[in-house]
PDB file of N, CA and C in Angstrom:
ATOM      1  N   MET A   1     266.717 -49.207  73.462  1.00  0.00           N
ATOM      2  CA  MET A   1     266.617 -50.569  73.767  1.00  0.00           C
ATOM      3  C   MET A   1     265.121 -50.914  73.964  1.00  0.00           C
ATOM      4  N   ALA A   2     264.443 -51.845  73.415  1.00  0.00           N
ATOM      5  CA  ALA A   2     263.183 -52.184  73.674  1.00  0.00           C
ATOM      6  C   ALA A   2     262.928 -52.541  74.933  1.00  0.00           C
ATOM      7  N   SER A   3     261.534 -52.195  75.306  1.00  0.00           N
ATOM      8  CA  SER A   3     261.386 -52.746  76.652  1.00  0.00           C
ATOM      9  C   SER A   3     260.569 -53.869  76.603  1.00  0.00           C
ATOM     10  N   LEU A   4     260.511 -54.937  77.431  1.00  0.00           N
ATOM     11  CA  LEU A   4     259.542 -55.612  77.421  1.00  0.00           C
ATOM     12  C   LEU A   4     258.521 -55.763  78.599  1.00  0.00           C
ATOM     13  N   ARG A   5     257.433 -56.041  78.316  1.00  0.00           N
ATOM     14  CA  ARG A   5     256.450 -56.181  79.220  1.00  0.00           C
ATOM     15  C   ARG A   5     255.558 -57.237  79.274  1.00  0.00           C
ATOM     16  N   LEU A   6     256.007 -58.051  80.336  1.00  0.00           N
ATOM     17  CA  LEU A   6     254.884 -59.237  80.503  1.00  0.00           C
ATOM     18  C   LEU A   6     253.763 -59.047  81.141  1.00  0.00           C
ATOM     19  N   HIS A   7     252.238 -59.422  80.641  1.00  0.00           N
ATOM     20  CA  HIS A   7     251.207 -59.189  81.279  1.00  0.00           C
ATOM     21  C   HIS A   7     250.540 -60.581  81.402  1.00  0.00           C
ATOM     22  N   PRO A   8     249.628 -60.801  82.216  1.00  0.00           N
ATOM     23  CA  PRO A   8     249.010 -62.306  82.335  1.00  0.00           C
ATOM     24  C   PRO A   8     248.765 -62.974  80.968  1.00  0.00           C
ATOM     25  N   ASP A   9     248.260 -62.314  80.113  1.00  0.00           N
ATOM     26  CA  ASP A   9     247.952 -62.962  78.929  1.00  0.00           C
ATOM     27  C   ASP A   9     248.694 -62.579  77.666  1.00  0.00           C
ATOM     28  N   ARG A  10     249.859 -61.705  77.719  1.00  0.00           N
ATOM     29  CA  ARG A  10     250.328 -61.318  76.562  1.00  0.00           C
ATOM     30  C   ARG A  10     251.906 -60.769  76.928  1.00  0.00           C
ATOM     31  N   LEU A  11     252.950 -60.966  75.846  1.00  0.00           N
ATOM     32  CA  LEU A  11     253.944 -60.260  76.013  1.00  0.00           C
ATOM     33  C   LEU A  11     253.999 -59.274  74.844  1.00  0.00           C
ATOM     34  N   GLU A  12     254.372 -58.046  75.453  1.00  0.00           N
ATOM     35  CA  GLU A  12     254.469 -56.915  74.738  1.00  0.00           C
ATOM     36  C   GLU A  12     255.837 -56.284  74.515  1.00  0.00           C
ATOM     37  N   ILE A  13     256.297 -56.162  73.314  1.00  0.00           N
ATOM     38  CA  ILE A  13     257.908 -55.383  72.896  1.00  0.00           C
ATOM     39  C   ILE A  13     257.431 -54.051  72.636  1.00  0.00           C
ATOM     40  N   GLU A  14     257.671 -53.175  73.736  1.00  0.00           N
ATOM     41  CA  GLU A  14     257.481 -51.810  73.572  1.00  0.00           C
ATOM     42  C   GLU A  14     258.468 -51.071  72.823  1.00  0.00           C
ATOM     43  N   LEU A  15     258.528 -50.822  71.576  1.00  0.00           N
ATOM     44  CA  LEU A  15     259.701 -50.102  70.821  1.00  0.00           C
ATOM     45  C   LEU A  15     259.404 -48.628  71.075  1.00  0.00           C
ATOM     46  N   SER A  16     260.829 -47.931  70.966  1.00  0.00           N
ATOM     47  CA  SER A  16     260.872 -46.826  71.129  1.00  0.00           C
ATOM     48  C   SER A  16     260.725 -45.905  69.720  1.00  0.00           C
ATOM     49  N   ALA A  17     260.489 -44.747  69.673  1.00  0.00           N
ATOM     50  CA  ALA A  17     260.290 -44.078  68.365  1.00  0.00           C
ATOM     51  C   ALA A  17     261.470 -44.327  67.463  1.00  0.00           C
ATOM     52  N   TYR A  18     262.441 -44.468  67.921  1.00  0.00           N
ATOM     53  CA  TYR A  18     263.770 -44.624  67.079  1.00  0.00           C
ATOM     54  C   TYR A  18     263.496 -46.309  66.670  1.00  0.00           C
ATOM     55  N   ASP A  19     263.111 -47.111  67.508  1.00  0.00           N
ATOM     56  CA  ASP A  19     263.103 -48.746  67.205  1.00  0.00           C
ATOM     57  C   ASP A  19     261.876 -48.564  65.944  1.00  0.00           C
ATOM     58  N   LYS A  20     260.806 -47.984  66.135  1.00  0.00           N
ATOM     59  CA  LYS A  20     259.669 -48.320  65.276  1.00  0.00           C
ATOM     60  C   LYS A  20     260.175 -47.396  63.830  1.00  0.00           C
ATOM     61  N   ALA A  21     261.109 -46.359  63.739  1.00  0.00           N
ATOM     62  CA  ALA A  21     261.423 -45.920  62.558  1.00  0.00           C
ATOM     63  C   ALA A  21     262.312 -46.806  61.887  1.00  0.00           C
ATOM     64  N   LEU A  22     263.091 -47.507  62.556  1.00  0.00           N
ATOM     65  CA  LEU A  22     264.083 -48.279  62.082  1.00  0.00           C
ATOM     66  C   LEU A  22     263.643 -49.595  61.343  1.00  0.00           C
ATOM     67  N   SER A  23     262.450 -49.950  62.165  1.00  0.00           N
ATOM     68  CA  SER A  23     261.876 -51.223  61.948  1.00  0.00           C
ATOM     69  C   SER A  23     260.693 -51.242  60.864  1.00  0.00           C
ATOM     70  N   LEU A  24     260.458 -49.840  60.455  1.00  0.00           N
ATOM     71  CA  LEU A  24     259.389 -49.393  59.622  1.00  0.00           C
ATOM     72  C   LEU A  24     258.128 -49.994  60.207  1.00  0.00           C
ATOM     73  N   ARG A  25     257.709 -49.886  61.613  1.00  0.00           N
ATOM     74  CA  ARG A  25     256.670 -50.478  62.091  1.00  0.00           C
ATOM     75  C   ARG A  25     256.052 -49.388  62.723  1.00  0.00           C
ATOM     76  N   ARG A  26     254.731 -49.535  62.977  1.00  0.00           N
ATOM     77  CA  ARG A  26     254.227 -48.035  63.875  1.00  0.00           C
ATOM     78  C   ARG A  26     253.634 -48.551  65.025  1.00  0.00           C
ATOM     79  N   SER A  27     253.514 -49.895  65.207  1.00  0.00           N
ATOM     80  CA  SER A  27     253.038 -50.296  66.529  1.00  0.00           C
ATOM     81  C   SER A  27     253.997 -51.325  67.153  1.00  0.00           C
ATOM     82  N   ASN A  28     253.835 -51.430  68.718  1.00  0.00           N
ATOM     83  CA  ASN A  28     254.485 -52.548  69.232  1.00  0.00           C
ATOM     84  C   ASN A  28     254.088 -53.815  69.057  1.00  0.00           C
ATOM     85  N   VAL A  29     255.112 -54.945  69.294  1.00  0.00           N
ATOM     86  CA  VAL A  29     254.855 -56.270  68.949  1.00  0.00           C
ATOM     87  C   VAL A  29     254.012 -56.780  70.333  1.00  0.00           C
ATOM     88  N   VAL A  30     253.193 -57.460  69.857  1.00  0.00           N
ATOM     89  CA  VAL A  30     252.262 -57.907  70.978  1.00  0.00           C
ATOM     90  C   VAL A  30     252.107 -59.422  70.675  1.00  0.00           C
ATOM     91  N   VAL A  31     252.618 -60.464  71.623  1.00  0.00           N
ATOM     92  CA  VAL A  31     252.364 -61.923  71.275  1.00  0.00           C
ATOM     93  C   VAL A  31     251.581 -62.458  72.350  1.00  0.00           C
ATOM     94  N   PRO A  32     250.553 -63.212  72.239  1.00  0.00           N
ATOM     95  CA  PRO A  32     249.876 -64.040  73.230  1.00  0.00           C
ATOM     96  C   PRO A  32     250.812 -65.068  74.105  1.00  0.00           C
ATOM     97  N   ARG A  33     250.754 -65.030  75.499  1.00  0.00           N
ATOM     98  CA  ARG A  33     251.627 -65.876  76.013  1.00  0.00           C
ATOM     99  C   ARG A  33     251.514 -67.396  75.896  1.00  0.00           C
ATOM    100  N   SER A  34     250.136 -67.892  75.429  1.00  0.00           N
ATOM    101  CA  SER A  34     249.907 -69.040  74.933  1.00  0.00           C
ATOM    102  C   SER A  34     250.787 -69.482  73.661  1.00  0.00           C
ATOM    103  N   SER A  35     251.395 -68.447  73.011  1.00  0.00           N
ATOM    104  CA  SER A  35     252.000 -68.975  71.743  1.00  0.00           C
ATOM    105  C   SER A  35     253.576 -69.289  71.957  1.00  0.00           C
ATOM    106  N   ILE A  36     253.942 -68.699  73.123  1.00  0.00           N
ATOM    107  CA  ILE A  36     255.330 -68.783  73.563  1.00  0.00           C
ATOM    108  C   ILE A  36     255.730 -70.278  74.062  1.00  0.00           C
ATOM    109  N   ARG A  37     256.598 -70.764  73.021  1.00  0.00           N
ATOM    110  CA  ARG A  37     256.887 -72.436  73.070  1.00  0.00           C
ATOM    111  C   ARG A  37     258.157 -72.494  74.036  1.00  0.00           C
ATOM    112  N   SER A  38     259.262 -71.625  73.811  1.00  0.00           N
ATOM    113  CA  SER A  38     260.687 -71.838  74.493  1.00  0.00           C
ATOM    114  C   SER A  38     261.117 -70.329  74.577  1.00  0.00           C
ATOM    115  N   ALA A  39     262.024 -70.167  75.682  1.00  0.00           N
ATOM    116  CA  ALA A  39     262.988 -68.865  75.448  1.00  0.00           C
ATOM    117  C   ALA A  39     264.332 -69.433  75.913  1.00  0.00           C
ATOM    118  N   THR A  40     265.369 -68.722  75.327  1.00  0.00           N
ATOM    119  CA  THR A  40     266.717 -69.133  75.562  1.00  0.00           C
ATOM    120  C   THR A  40     267.438 -67.809  75.531  1.00  0.00           C
ATOM    121  N   ILE A  41     268.448 -67.633  76.510  1.00  0.00           N
ATOM    122  CA  ILE A  41     269.408 -66.422  76.801  1.00  0.00           C
ATOM    123  C   ILE A  41     270.665 -67.072  75.754  1.00  0.00           C
ATOM    124  N   THR A  42     271.151 -65.861  75.073  1.00  0.00           N
ATOM    125  CA  THR A  42     272.284 -66.178  74.313  1.00  0.00           C
ATOM    126  C   THR A  42     273.339 -64.933  74.251  1.00  0.00           C
ATOM    127  N   ASP A  43     274.534 -65.213  74.371  1.00  0.00           N
ATOM    128  CA  ASP A  43     275.690 -64.157  74.377  1.00  0.00           C
ATOM    129  C   ASP A  43     275.785 -63.796  72.981  1.00  0.00           C
ATOM    130  N   ASP A  44     275.421 -64.407  71.848  1.00  0.00           N
ATOM    131  CA  ASP A  44     275.692 -64.130  70.745  1.00  0.00           C
ATOM    132  C   ASP A  44     274.580 -64.261  69.836  1.00  0.00           C
ATOM    133  N   PRO A  45     273.639 -63.222  69.699  1.00  0.00           N
ATOM    134  CA  PRO A  45     272.327 -63.338  69.183  1.00  0.00           C
ATOM    135  C   PRO A  45     272.441 -63.500  67.597  1.00  0.00           C
ATOM    136  N   TRP A  46     273.659 -63.037  67.148  1.00  0.00           N
ATOM    137  CA  TRP A  46     273.789 -63.065  65.575  1.00  0.00           C
ATOM    138  C   TRP A  46     273.780 -64.238  65.014  1.00  0.00           C
ATOM    139  N   ILE A  47     273.986 -65.385  65.824  1.00  0.00           N
ATOM    140  CA  ILE A  47     274.081 -66.938  65.363  1.00  0.00           C
ATOM    141  C   ILE A  47     272.695 -67.394  65.176  1.00  0.00           C
ATOM    142  N   TRP A  48     271.449 -66.689  65.761  1.00  0.00           N
ATOM    143  CA  TRP A  48     270.275 -67.123  65.749  1.00  0.00           C
ATOM    144  C   TRP A  48     269.598 -66.363  64.509  1.00  0.00           C
ATOM    145  N   VAL A  49     270.129 -65.531  63.893  1.00  0.00           N
ATOM    146  CA  VAL A  49     269.345 -64.510  62.603  1.00  0.00           C
ATOM    147  C   VAL A  49     269.246 -65.617  61.498  1.00  0.00           C
ATOM    148  N   ARG A  50     267.966 -65.717  60.811  1.00  0.00           N
ATOM    149  CA  ARG A  50     268.042 -66.318  59.779  1.00  0.00           C
ATOM    150  C   ARG A  50     267.204 -65.573  58.739  1.00  0.00           C
ATOM    151  N   GLY A  51     267.422 -66.081  57.606  1.00  0.00           N
ATOM    152  CA  GLY A  51     266.480 -65.116  56.417  1.00  0.00           C
ATOM    153  C   GLY A  51     267.271 -63.966  55.992  1.00  0.00           C
ATOM    154  N   ILE A  52     266.076 -63.014  55.350  1.00  0.00           N
ATOM    155  CA  ILE A  52     266.571 -61.809  55.003  1.00  0.00           C
ATOM    156  C   ILE A  52     265.681 -60.599  55.670  1.00  0.00           C
ATOM    157  N   ARG A  53     266.366 -59.391  55.693  1.00  0.00           N
ATOM    158  CA  ARG A  53     265.457 -58.216  56.379  1.00  0.00           C
ATOM    159  C   ARG A  53     264.413 -57.981  55.069  1.00  0.00           C
ATOM    160  N   ALA A  54     263.283 -57.857  55.704  1.00  0.00           N
ATOM    161  CA  ALA A  54     262.195 -57.298  55.128  1.00  0.00           C
ATOM    162  C   ALA A  54     260.992 -56.940  55.770  1.00  0.00           C
ATOM    163  N   PRO A  55     260.593 -55.555  56.183  1.00  0.00           N
ATOM    164  CA  PRO A  55     261.397 -54.647  56.081  1.00  0.00           C
ATOM    165  C   PRO A  55     262.186 -54.532  57.274  1.00  0.00           C
ATOM    166  N   GLY A  56     263.164 -53.605  57.533  1.00  0.00           N
ATOM    167  CA  GLY A  56     263.929 -53.227  58.761  1.00  0.00           C
ATOM    168  C   GLY A  56     265.198 -52.622  58.304  1.00  0.00           C
ATOM    169  N   THR A  57     266.144 -52.552  59.387  1.00  0.00           N
ATOM    170  CA  THR A  57     267.228 -52.159  59.470  1.00  0.00           C
ATOM    171  C   THR A  57     268.579 -53.039  59.754  1.00  0.00           C
ATOM    172  N   ALA A  58     269.590 -52.961  59.020  1.00  0.00           N
ATOM    173  CA  ALA A  58     270.540 -54.014  59.542  1.00  0.00           C
ATOM    174  C   ALA A  58     271.942 -53.354  59.135  1.00  0.00           C
ATOM    175  N   ILE A  59     272.806 -53.391  60.337  1.00  0.00           N
ATOM    176  CA  ILE A  59     274.316 -52.965  59.963  1.00  0.00           C
ATOM    177  C   ILE A  59     274.977 -54.479  60.633  1.00  0.00           C
ATOM    178  N   PRO A  60     275.618 -55.158  59.977  1.00  0.00           N
ATOM    179  CA  PRO A  60     276.138 -56.496  60.381  1.00  0.00           C
ATOM    180  C   PRO A  60     276.900 -56.382  61.686  1.00  0.00           C
ATOM    181  N   LEU A  61     276.597 -57.161  62.715  1.00  0.00           N
ATOM    182  CA  LEU A  61     276.935 -57.331  63.951  1.00  0.00           C
ATOM    183  C   LEU A  61     276.877 -56.224  64.744  1.00  0.00           C
ATOM    184  N   THR A  62     276.092 -55.096  64.313  1.00  0.00           N
ATOM    185  CA  THR A  62     275.902 -53.956  64.842  1.00  0.00           C
ATOM    186  C   THR A  62     274.485 -53.715  65.331  1.00  0.00           C
ATOM    187  N   LEU A  63     273.684 -53.936  64.647  1.00  0.00           N
ATOM    188  CA  LEU A  63     272.270 -53.483  64.611  1.00  0.00           C
ATOM    189  C   LEU A  63     271.186 -54.343  63.774  1.00  0.00           C
ATOM    190  N   ALA A  64     270.615 -54.956  64.474  1.00  0.00           N
ATOM    191  CA  ALA A  64     269.274 -55.434  63.348  1.00  0.00           C
ATOM    192  C   ALA A  64     268.013 -55.101  63.868  1.00  0.00           C
ATOM    193  N   ILE A  65     266.985 -54.359  63.346  1.00  0.00           N
ATOM    194  CA  ILE A  65     265.970 -54.082  63.986  1.00  0.00           C
ATOM    195  C   ILE A  65     264.763 -54.196  62.771  1.00  0.00           C
ATOM    196  N   GLY A  66     263.749 -55.066  62.914  1.00  0.00           N
ATOM    197  CA  GLY A  66     262.547 -55.261  62.048  1.00  0.00           C
ATOM    198  C   GLY A  66     262.410 -56.835  61.939  1.00  0.00           C
ATOM    199  N   GLN A  67     261.789 -56.926  60.773  1.00  0.00           N
ATOM    200  CA  GLN A  67     261.471 -58.228  60.477  1.00  0.00           C
ATOM    201  C   GLN A  67     262.430 -58.947  59.349  1.00  0.00           C
ATOM    202  N   TRP A  68     262.295 -60.373  59.659  1.00  0.00           N
ATOM    203  CA  TRP A  68     263.620 -61.131  58.725  1.00  0.00           C
ATOM    204  C   TRP A  68     262.736 -62.212  58.379  1.00  0.00           C
ATOM    205  N   LYS A  69     262.517 -62.554  56.970  1.00  0.00           N
ATOM    206  CA  LYS A  69     261.836 -63.704  56.349  1.00  0.00           C
ATOM    207  C   LYS A  69     262.538 -64.708  55.876  1.00  0.00           C
ATOM    208  N   PHE A  70     262.038 -65.705  56.194  1.00  0.00           N
ATOM    209  CA  PHE A  70     262.704 -67.099  55.831  1.00  0.00           C
ATOM    210  C   PHE A  70     261.716 -68.082  55.361  1.00  0.00           C
ATOM    211  N   HIS A  71     262.318 -69.267  54.814  1.00  0.00           N
ATOM    212  CA  HIS A  71     261.451 -70.140  54.244  1.00  0.00           C
ATOM    213  C   HIS A  71     260.004 -70.433  54.969  1.00  0.00           C
ATOM    214  N   GLY A  72     260.438 -70.483  56.287  1.00  0.00           N
ATOM    215  CA  GLY A  72     259.328 -71.063  56.971  1.00  0.00           C
ATOM    216  C   GLY A  72     258.344 -69.963  57.667  1.00  0.00           C
ATOM    217  N   GLY A  73     258.907 -68.804  57.455  1.00  0.00           N
ATOM    218  CA  GLY A  73     257.947 -67.674  58.169  1.00  0.00           C
ATOM    219  C   GLY A  73     258.484 -66.262  58.422  1.00  0.00           C
ATOM    220  N   MET A  74     258.411 -65.680  59.599  1.00  0.00           N
ATOM    221  CA  MET A  74     259.162 -64.497  59.634  1.00  0.00           C
ATOM    222  C   MET A  74     259.294 -64.436  61.470  1.00  0.00           C
ATOM    223  N   ASP A  75     260.599 -63.740  61.500  1.00  0.00           N
ATOM    224  CA  ASP A  75     261.067 -63.395  62.707  1.00  0.00           C
ATOM    225  C   ASP A  75     261.044 -62.042  62.948  1.00  0.00           C
ATOM    226  N   PHE A  76     261.043 -61.425  64.314  1.00  0.00           N
ATOM    227  CA  PHE A  76     261.274 -60.057  64.651  1.00  0.00           C
ATOM    228  C   PHE A  76     262.579 -59.811  65.506  1.00  0.00           C
ATOM    229  N   LEU A  77     263.341 -59.152  64.920  1.00  0.00           N
ATOM    230  CA  LEU A  77     264.582 -58.656  65.791  1.00  0.00           C
ATOM    231  C   LEU A  77     264.703 -57.351  66.212  1.00  0.00           C
ATOM    232  N   VAL A  78     265.215 -57.223  67.608  1.00  0.00           N
ATOM    233  CA  VAL A  78     265.795 -55.932  68.103  1.00  0.00           C
ATOM    234  C   VAL A  78     267.113 -56.493  68.495  1.00  0.00           C
ATOM    235  N   ILE A  79     268.211 -56.344  67.704  1.00  0.00           N
ATOM    236  CA  ILE A  79     269.696 -56.646  68.302  1.00  0.00           C
ATOM    237  C   ILE A  79     270.331 -55.345  68.294  1.00  0.00           C
ATOM    238  N   LYS A  80     271.101 -55.285  69.348  1.00  0.00           N
ATOM    239  CA  LYS A  80     272.113 -54.162  69.427  1.00  0.00           C
ATOM    240  C   LYS A  80     273.153 -54.515  69.740  1.00  0.00           C
ATOM    241  N   GLY A  81     274.608 -54.559  68.858  1.00  0.00           N
ATOM    242  CA  GLY A  81     275.640 -54.890  69.160  1.00  0.00           C
ATOM    243  C   GLY A  81     275.738 -56.453  69.626  1.00  0.00           C
ATOM    244  N   THR A  82     276.847 -56.947  70.521  1.00  0.00           N
ATOM    245  CA  THR A  82     276.807 -58.340  70.648  1.00  0.00           C
ATOM    246  C   THR A  82     276.518 -58.546  72.428  1.00  0.00           C
ATOM    247  N   LYS A  83     275.526 -57.860  72.782  1.00  0.00           N
ATOM    248  CA  LYS A  83     275.187 -57.858  73.988  1.00  0.00           C
ATOM    249  C   LYS A  83     274.084 -59.186  74.285  1.00  0.00           C
ATOM    250  N   PRO A  84     274.220 -59.544  75.628  1.00  0.00           N
ATOM    251  CA  PRO A  84     273.286 -60.886  75.798  1.00  0.00           C
ATOM    252  C   PRO A  84     271.846 -60.438  75.450  1.00  0.00           C
ATOM    253  N   SER A  85     271.041 -61.553  74.774  1.00  0.00           N
ATOM    254  CA  SER A  85     269.981 -61.445  74.421  1.00  0.00           C
ATOM    255  C   SER A  85     268.988 -62.544  74.652  1.00  0.00           C
ATOM    256  N   VAL A  86     267.635 -62.586  74.174  1.00  0.00           N
ATOM    257  CA  VAL A  86     266.773 -63.820  74.761  1.00  0.00           C
ATOM    258  C   VAL A  86     266.132 -63.885  73.389  1.00  0.00           C
ATOM    259  N   VAL A  87     265.909 -65.027  73.163  1.00  0.00           N
ATOM    260  CA  VAL A  87     265.421 -65.907  71.887  1.00  0.00           C
ATOM    261  C   VAL A  87     264.290 -66.572  72.264  1.00  0.00           C
ATOM    262  N   ILE A  88     263.043 -66.013  71.652  1.00  0.00           N
ATOM    263  CA  ILE A  88     261.998 -66.582  72.212  1.00  0.00           C
ATOM    264  C   ILE A  88     261.241 -67.316  70.758  1.00  0.00           C
ATOM    265  N   ASP A  89     260.895 -68.645  70.714  1.00  0.00           N
ATOM    266  CA  ASP A  89     260.338 -69.310  69.881  1.00  0.00           C
ATOM    267  C   ASP A  89     258.728 -69.361  70.085  1.00  0.00           C
ATOM    268  N   LEU A  90     258.095 -69.130  68.970  1.00  0.00           N
ATOM    269  CA  LEU A  90     256.671 -68.856  69.359  1.00  0.00           C
ATOM    270  C   LEU A  90     256.019 -69.992  68.031  1.00  0.00           C
ATOM    271  N   GLU A  91     254.668 -69.997  68.357  1.00  0.00           N
ATOM    272  CA  GLU A  91     253.781 -71.185  67.489  1.00  0.00           C
ATOM    273  C   GLU A  91     252.551 -70.320  67.394  1.00  0.00           C
ATOM    274  N   ASP A  92     251.972 -70.486  66.277  1.00  0.00           N
ATOM    275  CA  ASP A  92     250.681 -69.775  65.866  1.00  0.00           C
ATOM    276  C   ASP A  92     250.419 -68.246  66.286  1.00  0.00           C
ATOM    277  N   ALA A  93     251.634 -67.586  65.783  1.00  0.00           N
ATOM    278  CA  ALA A  93     251.942 -66.398  66.201  1.00  0.00           C
ATOM    279  C   ALA A  93     252.179 -65.474  64.660  1.00  0.00           C
ATOM    280  N   GLU A  94     252.144 -64.211  64.830  1.00  0.00           N
ATOM    281  CA  GLU A  94     252.682 -63.562  63.768  1.00  0.00           C
ATOM    282  C   GLU A  94     254.164 -63.737  63.301  1.00  0.00           C
ATOM    283  N   TYR A  95     254.858 -63.895  64.312  1.00  0.00           N
ATOM    284  CA  TYR A  95     256.250 -64.397  63.995  1.00  0.00           C
ATOM    285  C   TYR A  95     256.571 -65.479  64.591  1.00  0.00           C
ATOM    286  N   SER A  96     257.576 -66.328  63.965  1.00  0.00           N
ATOM    287  CA  SER A  96     258.177 -67.596  64.247  1.00  0.00           C
ATOM    288  C   SER A  96     259.157 -67.341  65.724  1.00  0.00           C
ATOM    289  N   ARG A  97     259.814 -66.178  65.744  1.00  0.00           N
ATOM    290  CA  ARG A  97     260.748 -66.246  66.778  1.00  0.00           C
ATOM    291  C   ARG A  97     261.058 -64.917  66.866  1.00  0.00           C
ATOM    292  N   LEU A  98     261.259 -64.380  68.154  1.00  0.00           N
ATOM    293  CA  LEU A  98     261.860 -62.835  68.638  1.00  0.00           C
ATOM    294  C   LEU A  98     263.021 -62.874  69.103  1.00  0.00           C
ATOM    295  N   ILE A  99     264.033 -62.086  68.718  1.00  0.00           N
ATOM    296  CA  ILE A  99     265.321 -62.072  69.392  1.00  0.00           C
ATOM    297  C   ILE A  99     265.252 -60.502  69.727  1.00  0.00           C
ATOM    298  N   ILE A 100     265.637 -60.653  71.019  1.00  0.00           N
ATOM    299  CA  ILE A 100     265.847 -59.177  71.769  1.00  0.00           C
ATOM    300  C   ILE A 100     266.508 -58.840  72.633  1.00  0.00           C
ATOM    301  N   THR A 101     267.414 -57.819  72.361  1.00  0.00           N
ATOM    302  CA  THR A 101     268.492 -57.462  72.989  1.00  0.00           C
ATOM    303  C   THR A 101     267.946 -57.192  74.506  1.00  0.00           C
ATOM    304  N   THR A 102     268.133 -57.468  75.675  1.00  0.00           N
ATOM    305  CA  THR A 102     267.582 -56.756  76.905  1.00  0.00           C
ATOM    306  C   THR A 102     268.567 -57.150  78.282  1.00  0.00           C
ATOM    307  N   ARG A 103     268.683 -56.230  78.918  1.00  0.00           N
ATOM    308  CA  ARG A 103     269.517 -56.555  80.403  1.00  0.00           C
ATOM    309  C   ARG A 103     268.830 -57.517  81.138  1.00  0.00           C
ATOM    310  N   ARG A 104     267.276 -57.919  80.918  1.00  0.00           N
ATOM    311  CA  ARG A 104     266.613 -58.519  82.012  1.00  0.00           C
ATOM    312  C   ARG A 104     266.101 -59.979  81.448  1.00  0.00           C
ATOM    313  N   SER A 105     266.859 -60.697  80.810  1.00  0.00           N
ATOM    314  CA  SER A 105     266.585 -61.578  79.878  1.00  0.00           C
ATOM    315  C   SER A 105     266.236 -62.878  80.873  1.00  0.00           C
ATOM    316  N   ALA A 106     267.134 -63.060  81.903  1.00  0.00           N
ATOM    317  CA  ALA A 106     266.953 -63.805  82.843  1.00  0.00           C
ATOM    318  C   ALA A 106     265.523 -63.926  83.760  1.00  0.00           C
ATOM    319  N   GLU A 107     265.360 -62.414  84.042  1.00  0.00           N
ATOM    320  CA  GLU A 107     264.107 -62.580  84.707  1.00  0.00           C
ATOM    321  C   GLU A 107     262.892 -62.646  83.827  1.00  0.00           C
ATOM    322  N   LEU A 108     262.929 -62.210  82.626  1.00  0.00           N
ATOM    323  CA  LEU A 108     262.033 -62.628  81.570  1.00  0.00           C
ATOM    324  C   LEU A 108     261.788 -64.213  81.605  1.00  0.00           C
ATOM    325  N   ILE A 109     262.694 -64.875  81.439  1.00  0.00           N
ATOM    326  CA  ILE A 109     262.529 -66.373  81.036  1.00  0.00           C
ATOM    327  C   ILE A 109     262.144 -66.915  82.607  1.00  0.00           C
ATOM    328  N   ALA A 110     262.543 -66.274  83.797  1.00  0.00           N
ATOM    329  CA  ALA A 110     261.713 -66.842  85.038  1.00  0.00           C
ATOM    330  C   ALA A 110     260.382 -66.356  85.172  1.00  0.00           C
ATOM    331  N   ALA A 111     260.257 -65.186  84.607  1.00  0.00           N
ATOM    332  CA  ALA A 111     258.565 -64.964  85.012  1.00  0.00           C
ATOM    333  C   ALA A 111     257.616 -65.668  83.884  1.00  0.00           C
ATOM    334  N   LEU A 112     258.180 -66.102  82.887  1.00  0.00           N
ATOM    335  CA  LEU A 112     257.480 -66.938  81.959  1.00  0.00           C
ATOM    336  C   LEU A 112     257.150 -68.181  82.277  1.00  0.00           C
ATOM    337  N   ASP A 113     257.807 -68.793  83.032  1.00  0.00           N
ATOM    338  CA  ASP A 113     257.837 -70.293  83.723  1.00  0.00           C
ATOM    339  C   ASP A 113     257.156 -71.048  82.847  1.00  0.00           C
ATOM    340  N   LEU A 114     258.236 -71.473  81.746  1.00  0.00           N
ATOM    341  CA  LEU A 114     257.512 -71.986  80.494  1.00  0.00           C
ATOM    342  C   LEU A 114     257.821 -73.679  80.976  1.00  0.00           C
ATOM    343  N   HIS A 115     257.579 -74.320  82.286  1.00  0.00           N
ATOM    344  CA  HIS A 115     258.084 -75.547  82.714  1.00  0.00           C
ATOM    345  C   HIS A 115     256.631 -76.442  82.256  1.00  0.00           C
TER     346      HIS A 115
END
């Protein structure tokens, strides 16, 4: 599972070697905190997936890791099973949305303090 690291100026999605291989990405995903517009916890991350995989790995309702392109941009996903996930909407960043399966989604949203 990907690790989320929240720094004063950025959010870093630390990908394991396994996640990097499946996402066809060599580096971690780094997003400036100023680009984060909203964050939501979801019990069903699959309803938030939009577009087509390009590049990445997908097994429907089991695994989705990588980039998903849609008519308005790109999302980055690290979804594993039907576990609770966090959906982060971004503005002026490489991705429009991040969907990440994590056990600490409530802690992340509290730390982001998006009020």
